[in-house]
């Protein structure tokens, strides 16, 4: 169905009336179709209270879910778990103060499992003093003062991403906080000591970097 647009020059009302009559006579030979009656897709009133049932049955989950022992659940932190999804980094090379306040994530792959026997005596004391769980998440904080004389934290972030497939950074994920000019590297407490020393050596960081735990603050440094 198409619309008919009638164009005319403004003038007398009588001229417009005659123009409309001629247009109606010309359109009489065209067939006219009455639009169908609207029918709603929703059911009628008698069927509205019937339950909606899925076409397929729900999936069956086999095997009991993995549960931590009671002693492990008491020490786990209540902060939301760090996302494990990878996102592309924003490497524009601009200083942190001029860059947009945008975070970037880097996720590393899983590899071998460390045990508490790999911890040094000093770090064992930290775990005991702060009552940390070995699989509790912690973060290493890399600031601009750790990035050498130029303080180029973007270059450190690019170098860190080059080590994304390293087995020594397994089960870690990193986040650059450009609004704070900091890089946060997250890992389990049991891996913290090894990860911290890896960051100092491979990224050639200066000064000391701090290990921070939720509700505990800075607990260790290398």
C-alpha atoms as a PDB file:
ATOM      1  CA  UNK A   1       0.000   0.000   0.000  1.00  0.00           C
ATOM      2  CA  UNK A   2       1.437   3.348  -1.091  1.00  0.00           C
ATOM      3  CA  UNK A   3       0.609   6.917  -0.128  1.00  0.00           C
ATOM      4  CA  UNK A   4      -0.492   9.494  -2.708  1.00  0.00           C
ATOM      5  CA  UNK A   5       1.007  12.936  -2.207  1.00  0.00           C
ATOM      6  CA  UNK A   6      -0.818  15.796  -3.852  1.00  0.00           C
ATOM      7  CA  UNK A   7       1.159  18.986  -4.578  1.00  0.00           C
ATOM      8  CA  UNK A   8      -0.656  22.234  -5.361  1.00  0.00           C
ATOM      9  CA  UNK A   9      -0.014  25.936  -5.427  1.00  0.00           C
ATOM     10  CA  UNK A  10      -1.472  27.863  -2.492  1.00  0.00           C
ATOM     11  CA  UNK A  11      -4.464  29.875  -3.561  1.00  0.00           C
ATOM     12  CA  UNK A  12      -8.224  29.742  -3.289  1.00  0.00           C
ATOM     13  CA  UNK A  13     -10.002  27.063  -1.271  1.00  0.00           C
ATOM     14  CA  UNK A  14     -12.316  26.360  -4.206  1.00  0.00           C
ATOM     15  CA  UNK A  15      -9.360  25.460  -6.422  1.00  0.00           C
ATOM     16  CA  UNK A  16      -8.046  23.006  -3.825  1.00  0.00           C
ATOM     17  CA  UNK A  17     -11.474  21.359  -3.500  1.00  0.00           C
ATOM     18  CA  UNK A  18     -11.679  20.767  -7.227  1.00  0.00           C
ATOM     19  CA  UNK A  19      -8.161  19.372  -7.303  1.00  0.00           C
ATOM     20  CA  UNK A  20      -9.035  16.840  -4.603  1.00  0.00           C
ATOM     21  CA  UNK A  21     -12.131  15.715  -6.505  1.00  0.00           C
ATOM     22  CA  UNK A  22     -10.134  15.101  -9.690  1.00  0.00           C
ATOM     23  CA  UNK A  23      -7.510  13.151  -7.755  1.00  0.00           C
ATOM     24  CA  UNK A  24     -10.159  10.930  -6.153  1.00  0.00           C
ATOM     25  CA  UNK A  25     -11.723  10.178  -9.570  1.00  0.00           C
ATOM     26  CA  UNK A  26      -8.323   9.191 -10.974  1.00  0.00           C
ATOM     27  CA  UNK A  27      -7.722   6.784  -8.077  1.00  0.00           C
ATOM     28  CA  UNK A  28     -11.088   5.033  -8.391  1.00  0.00           C
ATOM     29  CA  UNK A  29      -9.778   2.606 -11.016  1.00  0.00           C
ATOM     30  CA  UNK A  30      -7.061   1.316  -8.669  1.00  0.00           C
ATOM     31  CA  UNK A  31      -8.001  -1.643  -6.448  1.00  0.00           C
ATOM     32  CA  UNK A  32      -8.367  -0.948  -2.753  1.00  0.00           C
ATOM     33  CA  UNK A  33      -7.402  -3.527  -0.108  1.00  0.00           C
ATOM     34  CA  UNK A  34      -8.831  -3.482   3.364  1.00  0.00           C
ATOM     35  CA  UNK A  35      -6.036  -4.042   5.927  1.00  0.00           C
ATOM     36  CA  UNK A  36      -6.418  -7.260   7.958  1.00  0.00           C
ATOM     37  CA  UNK A  37      -7.632  -7.175  11.525  1.00  0.00           C
ATOM     38  CA  UNK A  38      -4.753  -6.948  13.999  1.00  0.00           C
ATOM     39  CA  UNK A  39      -4.181 -10.190  15.899  1.00  0.00           C
ATOM     40  CA  UNK A  40      -1.866 -10.002  18.959  1.00  0.00           C
ATOM     41  CA  UNK A  41       0.893 -12.607  19.276  1.00  0.00           C
ATOM     42  CA  UNK A  42       0.135 -13.154  22.959  1.00  0.00           C
ATOM     43  CA  UNK A  43      -2.418 -15.840  23.876  1.00  0.00           C
ATOM     44  CA  UNK A  44      -6.012 -15.071  24.586  1.00  0.00           C
ATOM     45  CA  UNK A  45      -7.163 -14.169  28.068  1.00  0.00           C
ATOM     46  CA  UNK A  46      -8.103 -17.780  28.863  1.00  0.00           C
ATOM     47  CA  UNK A  47      -4.546 -19.002  28.252  1.00  0.00           C
ATOM     48  CA  UNK A  48      -2.582 -16.229  29.979  1.00  0.00           C
ATOM     49  CA  UNK A  49      -2.373 -18.036  33.318  1.00  0.00           C
ATOM     50  CA  UNK A  50      -0.967 -21.272  31.920  1.00  0.00           C
ATOM     51  CA  UNK A  51       2.708 -21.900  32.848  1.00  0.00           C
ATOM     52  CA  UNK A  52       5.397 -21.518  30.200  1.00  0.00           C
ATOM     53  CA  UNK A  53       7.372 -24.744  29.959  1.00  0.00           C
ATOM     54  CA  UNK A  54      10.780 -25.093  28.244  1.00  0.00           C
ATOM     55  CA  UNK A  55      11.003 -27.324  25.202  1.00  0.00           C
ATOM     56  CA  UNK A  56      14.023 -29.254  26.597  1.00  0.00           C
ATOM     57  CA  UNK A  57      14.724 -30.631  30.081  1.00  0.00           C
ATOM     58  CA  UNK A  58      17.432 -28.941  32.196  1.00  0.00           C
ATOM     59  CA  UNK A  59      21.016 -30.229  31.891  1.00  0.00           C
ATOM     60  CA  UNK A  60      22.228 -32.840  34.364  1.00  0.00           C
ATOM     61  CA  UNK A  61      25.416 -31.992  36.271  1.00  0.00           C
ATOM     62  CA  UNK A  62      27.345 -35.072  37.324  1.00  0.00           C
ATOM     63  CA  UNK A  63      29.770 -35.234  40.231  1.00  0.00           C
ATOM     64  CA  UNK A  64      29.810 -33.233  43.475  1.00  0.00           C
ATOM     65  CA  UNK A  65      31.130 -29.651  43.377  1.00  0.00           C
ATOM     66  CA  UNK A  66      34.656 -28.993  44.602  1.00  0.00           C
ATOM     67  CA  UNK A  67      34.671 -27.773  48.187  1.00  0.00           C
ATOM     68  CA  UNK A  68      37.474 -26.400  50.278  1.00  0.00           C
ATOM     69  CA  UNK A  69      38.116 -27.860  53.719  1.00  0.00           C
ATOM     70  CA  UNK A  70      36.665 -25.907  56.655  1.00  0.00           C
ATOM     71  CA  UNK A  71      40.055 -24.535  57.643  1.00  0.00           C
ATOM     72  CA  UNK A  72      40.526 -23.133  54.144  1.00  0.00           C
ATOM     73  CA  UNK A  73      37.130 -21.443  54.027  1.00  0.00           C
ATOM     74  CA  UNK A  74      37.797 -19.528  57.221  1.00  0.00           C
ATOM     75  CA  UNK A  75      40.840 -17.693  55.784  1.00  0.00           C
ATOM     76  CA  UNK A  76      39.612 -16.928  52.270  1.00  0.00           C
ATOM     77  CA  UNK A  77      39.181 -13.170  51.541  1.00  0.00           C
ATOM     78  CA  UNK A  78      35.748 -11.733  50.914  1.00  0.00           C
ATOM     79  CA  UNK A  79      36.788  -9.353  48.159  1.00  0.00           C
ATOM     80  CA  UNK A  80      35.483 -10.161  44.648  1.00  0.00           C
ATOM     81  CA  UNK A  81      37.728 -12.531  42.751  1.00  0.00           C
ATOM     82  CA  UNK A  82      39.994 -10.861  40.231  1.00  0.00           C
ATOM     83  CA  UNK A  83      38.628 -11.330  36.688  1.00  0.00           C
ATOM     84  CA  UNK A  84      40.422 -14.024  34.707  1.00  0.00           C
ATOM     85  CA  UNK A  85      39.347 -12.805  31.283  1.00  0.00           C
ATOM     86  CA  UNK A  86      41.968 -11.349  28.994  1.00  0.00           C
ATOM     87  CA  UNK A  87      41.660  -7.861  27.576  1.00  0.00           C
ATOM     88  CA  UNK A  88      43.895  -6.066  25.146  1.00  0.00           C
ATOM     89  CA  UNK A  89      46.324  -3.583  26.610  1.00  0.00           C
ATOM     90  CA  UNK A  90      46.287   0.071  25.570  1.00  0.00           C
ATOM     91  CA  UNK A  91      49.873   0.872  24.582  1.00  0.00           C
ATOM     92  CA  UNK A  92      49.838   4.448  23.355  1.00  0.00           C
ATOM     93  CA  UNK A  93      53.198   5.400  24.860  1.00  0.00           C
ATOM     94  CA  UNK A  94      51.847   8.571  26.474  1.00  0.00           C
ATOM     95  CA  UNK A  95      52.700   9.559  30.060  1.00  0.00           C
ATOM     96  CA  UNK A  96      50.290   8.340  32.703  1.00  0.00           C
ATOM     97  CA  UNK A  97      49.062  11.844  33.540  1.00  0.00           C
ATOM     98  CA  UNK A  98      48.037  12.500  29.916  1.00  0.00           C
ATOM     99  CA  UNK A  99      46.678   9.037  29.121  1.00  0.00           C
ATOM    100  CA  UNK A 100      42.945   8.322  29.544  1.00  0.00           C
ATOM    101  CA  UNK A 101      41.893   6.755  32.828  1.00  0.00           C
ATOM    102  CA  UNK A 102      41.613   3.303  31.318  1.00  0.00           C
ATOM    103  CA  UNK A 103      42.649  -0.037  32.811  1.00  0.00           C
ATOM    104  CA  UNK A 104      44.254  -2.846  30.871  1.00  0.00           C
ATOM    105  CA  UNK A 105      44.417  -6.523  31.784  1.00  0.00           C
ATOM    106  CA  UNK A 106      46.927  -9.225  30.981  1.00  0.00           C
ATOM    107  CA  UNK A 107      46.297 -12.873  31.866  1.00  0.00           C
ATOM    108  CA  UNK A 108      48.932 -15.597  32.049  1.00  0.00           C
ATOM    109  CA  UNK A 109      48.553 -19.316  31.502  1.00  0.00           C
ATOM    110  CA  UNK A 110      48.396 -22.068  34.093  1.00  0.00           C
ATOM    111  CA  UNK A 111      51.384 -24.323  34.688  1.00  0.00           C
ATOM    112  CA  UNK A 112      52.905 -26.347  37.529  1.00  0.00           C
ATOM    113  CA  UNK A 113      51.580 -26.245  41.097  1.00  0.00           C
ATOM    114  CA  UNK A 114      53.757 -24.866  43.887  1.00  0.00           C
ATOM    115  CA  UNK A 115      53.680 -26.162  47.441  1.00  0.00           C
ATOM    116  CA  UNK A 116      54.367 -24.307  50.682  1.00  0.00           C
ATOM    117  CA  UNK A 117      57.774 -26.053  50.900  1.00  0.00           C
ATOM    118  CA  UNK A 118      59.022 -23.638  48.230  1.00  0.00           C
ATOM    119  CA  UNK A 119      58.569 -20.617  50.539  1.00  0.00           C
ATOM    120  CA  UNK A 120      61.496 -19.088  52.356  1.00  0.00           C
ATOM    121  CA  UNK A 121      61.658 -19.004  56.132  1.00  0.00           C
ATOM    122  CA  UNK A 122      61.077 -15.247  56.113  1.00  0.00           C
ATOM    123  CA  UNK A 123      57.972 -15.505  53.983  1.00  0.00           C
ATOM    124  CA  UNK A 124      56.651 -18.408  56.053  1.00  0.00           C
ATOM    125  CA  UNK A 125      56.791 -16.065  59.022  1.00  0.00           C
ATOM    126  CA  UNK A 126      54.776 -13.458  57.118  1.00  0.00           C
ATOM    127  CA  UNK A 127      52.115 -16.047  56.244  1.00  0.00           C
ATOM    128  CA  UNK A 128      51.885 -17.147  59.852  1.00  0.00           C
ATOM    129  CA  UNK A 129      51.906 -13.618  61.308  1.00  0.00           C
ATOM    130  CA  UNK A 130      49.083 -12.361  59.095  1.00  0.00           C
ATOM    131  CA  UNK A 131      47.241 -15.713  59.079  1.00  0.00           C
ATOM    132  CA  UNK A 132      47.189 -15.854  55.286  1.00  0.00           C
ATOM    133  CA  UNK A 133      45.765 -18.727  53.284  1.00  0.00           C
ATOM    134  CA  UNK A 134      48.183 -20.088  50.683  1.00  0.00           C
ATOM    135  CA  UNK A 135      45.571 -19.797  47.918  1.00  0.00           C
ATOM    136  CA  UNK A 136      44.462 -16.336  48.912  1.00  0.00           C
ATOM    137  CA  UNK A 137      44.992 -13.695  46.216  1.00  0.00           C
ATOM    138  CA  UNK A 138      47.590 -10.993  46.748  1.00  0.00           C
ATOM    139  CA  UNK A 139      49.036  -8.295  44.494  1.00  0.00           C
ATOM    140  CA  UNK A 140      52.452  -6.850  43.779  1.00  0.00           C
ATOM    141  CA  UNK A 141      52.346  -3.083  43.250  1.00  0.00           C
ATOM    142  CA  UNK A 142      54.803  -1.604  40.738  1.00  0.00           C
ATOM    143  CA  UNK A 143      54.964   2.184  40.870  1.00  0.00           C
ATOM    144  CA  UNK A 144      56.604   4.778  38.669  1.00  0.00           C
ATOM    145  CA  UNK A 145      59.543   4.974  41.086  1.00  0.00           C
ATOM    146  CA  UNK A 146      60.293   1.323  40.271  1.00  0.00           C
ATOM    147  CA  UNK A 147      60.614   2.013  36.538  1.00  0.00           C
ATOM    148  CA  UNK A 148      64.097   3.501  36.446  1.00  0.00           C
ATOM    149  CA  UNK A 149      65.147   7.108  36.012  1.00  0.00           C
ATOM    150  CA  UNK A 150      62.615   7.836  33.261  1.00  0.00           C
ATOM    151  CA  UNK A 151      59.701   6.335  35.172  1.00  0.00           C
ATOM    152  CA  UNK A 152      58.250   4.897  31.947  1.00  0.00           C
ATOM    153  CA  UNK A 153      55.571   2.633  33.372  1.00  0.00           C
ATOM    154  CA  UNK A 154      54.128   2.000  29.899  1.00  0.00           C
ATOM    155  CA  UNK A 155      57.417   0.417  28.810  1.00  0.00           C
ATOM    156  CA  UNK A 156      57.391  -1.808  31.896  1.00  0.00           C
ATOM    157  CA  UNK A 157      53.807  -2.805  31.068  1.00  0.00           C
ATOM    158  CA  UNK A 158      54.820  -3.770  27.525  1.00  0.00           C
ATOM    159  CA  UNK A 159      57.747  -5.818  28.811  1.00  0.00           C
ATOM    160  CA  UNK A 160      55.483  -7.531  31.336  1.00  0.00           C
ATOM    161  CA  UNK A 161      53.100  -8.558  28.563  1.00  0.00           C
ATOM    162  CA  UNK A 162      55.999 -10.096  26.652  1.00  0.00           C
ATOM    163  CA  UNK A 163      56.398 -12.525  29.567  1.00  0.00           C
ATOM    164  CA  UNK A 164      52.696 -13.440  29.447  1.00  0.00           C
ATOM    165  CA  UNK A 165      53.436 -17.047  28.470  1.00  0.00           C
ATOM    166  CA  UNK A 166      56.161 -17.607  31.025  1.00  0.00           C
ATOM    167  CA  UNK A 167      55.657 -20.618  33.270  1.00  0.00           C
ATOM    168  CA  UNK A 168      56.990 -18.607  36.225  1.00  0.00           C
ATOM    169  CA  UNK A 169      53.996 -16.286  35.914  1.00  0.00           C
ATOM    170  CA  UNK A 170      51.395 -19.030  35.802  1.00  0.00           C
ATOM    171  CA  UNK A 171      48.049 -18.312  37.438  1.00  0.00           C
ATOM    172  CA  UNK A 172      48.831 -14.570  37.489  1.00  0.00           C
ATOM    173  CA  UNK A 173      46.993 -11.656  35.956  1.00  0.00           C
ATOM    174  CA  UNK A 174      48.103  -8.038  35.758  1.00  0.00           C
ATOM    175  CA  UNK A 175      46.286  -4.723  35.678  1.00  0.00           C
ATOM    176  CA  UNK A 176      47.734  -1.333  34.746  1.00  0.00           C
ATOM    177  CA  UNK A 177      46.104   1.511  36.649  1.00  0.00           C
ATOM    178  CA  UNK A 178      47.017   4.521  34.563  1.00  0.00           C
ATOM    179  CA  UNK A 179      45.153   6.951  36.806  1.00  0.00           C
ATOM    180  CA  UNK A 180      47.500   5.893  39.649  1.00  0.00           C
ATOM    181  CA  UNK A 181      50.582   5.250  37.480  1.00  0.00           C
ATOM    182  CA  UNK A 182      50.788   1.722  38.935  1.00  0.00           C
ATOM    183  CA  UNK A 183      50.857  -1.880  37.713  1.00  0.00           C
ATOM    184  CA  UNK A 184      49.179  -4.525  39.872  1.00  0.00           C
ATOM    185  CA  UNK A 185      50.218  -8.158  39.425  1.00  0.00           C
ATOM    186  CA  UNK A 186      47.854 -10.607  41.132  1.00  0.00           C
ATOM    187  CA  UNK A 187      48.845 -14.116  42.236  1.00  0.00           C
ATOM    188  CA  UNK A 188      48.193 -16.631  45.003  1.00  0.00           C
ATOM    189  CA  UNK A 189      50.061 -16.189  48.267  1.00  0.00           C
ATOM    190  CA  UNK A 190      51.910 -19.458  47.688  1.00  0.00           C
ATOM    191  CA  UNK A 191      53.393 -17.974  44.487  1.00  0.00           C
ATOM    192  CA  UNK A 192      53.951 -14.439  45.724  1.00  0.00           C
ATOM    193  CA  UNK A 193      57.603 -14.755  46.657  1.00  0.00           C
ATOM    194  CA  UNK A 194      58.614 -16.364  43.366  1.00  0.00           C
ATOM    195  CA  UNK A 195      56.543 -13.905  41.309  1.00  0.00           C
ATOM    196  CA  UNK A 196      57.972 -10.882  43.139  1.00  0.00           C
ATOM    197  CA  UNK A 197      61.587 -11.914  42.532  1.00  0.00           C
ATOM    198  CA  UNK A 198      60.774 -12.688  38.891  1.00  0.00           C
ATOM    199  CA  UNK A 199      59.324  -9.189  38.433  1.00  0.00           C
ATOM    200  CA  UNK A 200      62.367  -7.530  40.000  1.00  0.00           C
ATOM    201  CA  UNK A 201      64.828  -9.455  37.806  1.00  0.00           C
ATOM    202  CA  UNK A 202      63.054  -9.670  34.452  1.00  0.00           C
ATOM    203  CA  UNK A 203      61.567  -6.160  34.468  1.00  0.00           C
ATOM    204  CA  UNK A 204      64.768  -4.649  35.934  1.00  0.00           C
ATOM    205  CA  UNK A 205      62.825  -2.759  38.558  1.00  0.00           C
ATOM    206  CA  UNK A 206      64.547  -0.360  40.926  1.00  0.00           C
ATOM    207  CA  UNK A 207      63.816   0.079  44.616  1.00  0.00           C
ATOM    208  CA  UNK A 208      61.463  -2.286  46.428  1.00  0.00           C
ATOM    209  CA  UNK A 209      58.026  -3.471  45.328  1.00  0.00           C
ATOM    210  CA  UNK A 210      55.331  -4.130  47.907  1.00  0.00           C
ATOM    211  CA  UNK A 211      53.070  -7.164  48.287  1.00  0.00           C
ATOM    212  CA  UNK A 212      49.572  -6.113  49.341  1.00  0.00           C
ATOM    213  CA  UNK A 213      46.855  -8.391  50.757  1.00  0.00           C
ATOM    214  CA  UNK A 214      43.196  -7.481  51.177  1.00  0.00           C
ATOM    215  CA  UNK A 215      42.469  -6.119  54.674  1.00  0.00           C
ATOM    216  CA  UNK A 216      46.108  -6.607  55.613  1.00  0.00           C
ATOM    217  CA  UNK A 217      47.856  -3.902  53.591  1.00  0.00           C
ATOM    218  CA  UNK A 218      51.524  -4.265  52.664  1.00  0.00           C
ATOM    219  CA  UNK A 219      52.844  -7.482  54.185  1.00  0.00           C
ATOM    220  CA  UNK A 220      56.083  -8.136  52.283  1.00  0.00           C
ATOM    221  CA  UNK A 221      58.550  -6.464  49.910  1.00  0.00           C
ATOM    222  CA  UNK A 222      61.455  -7.422  47.671  1.00  0.00           C
END
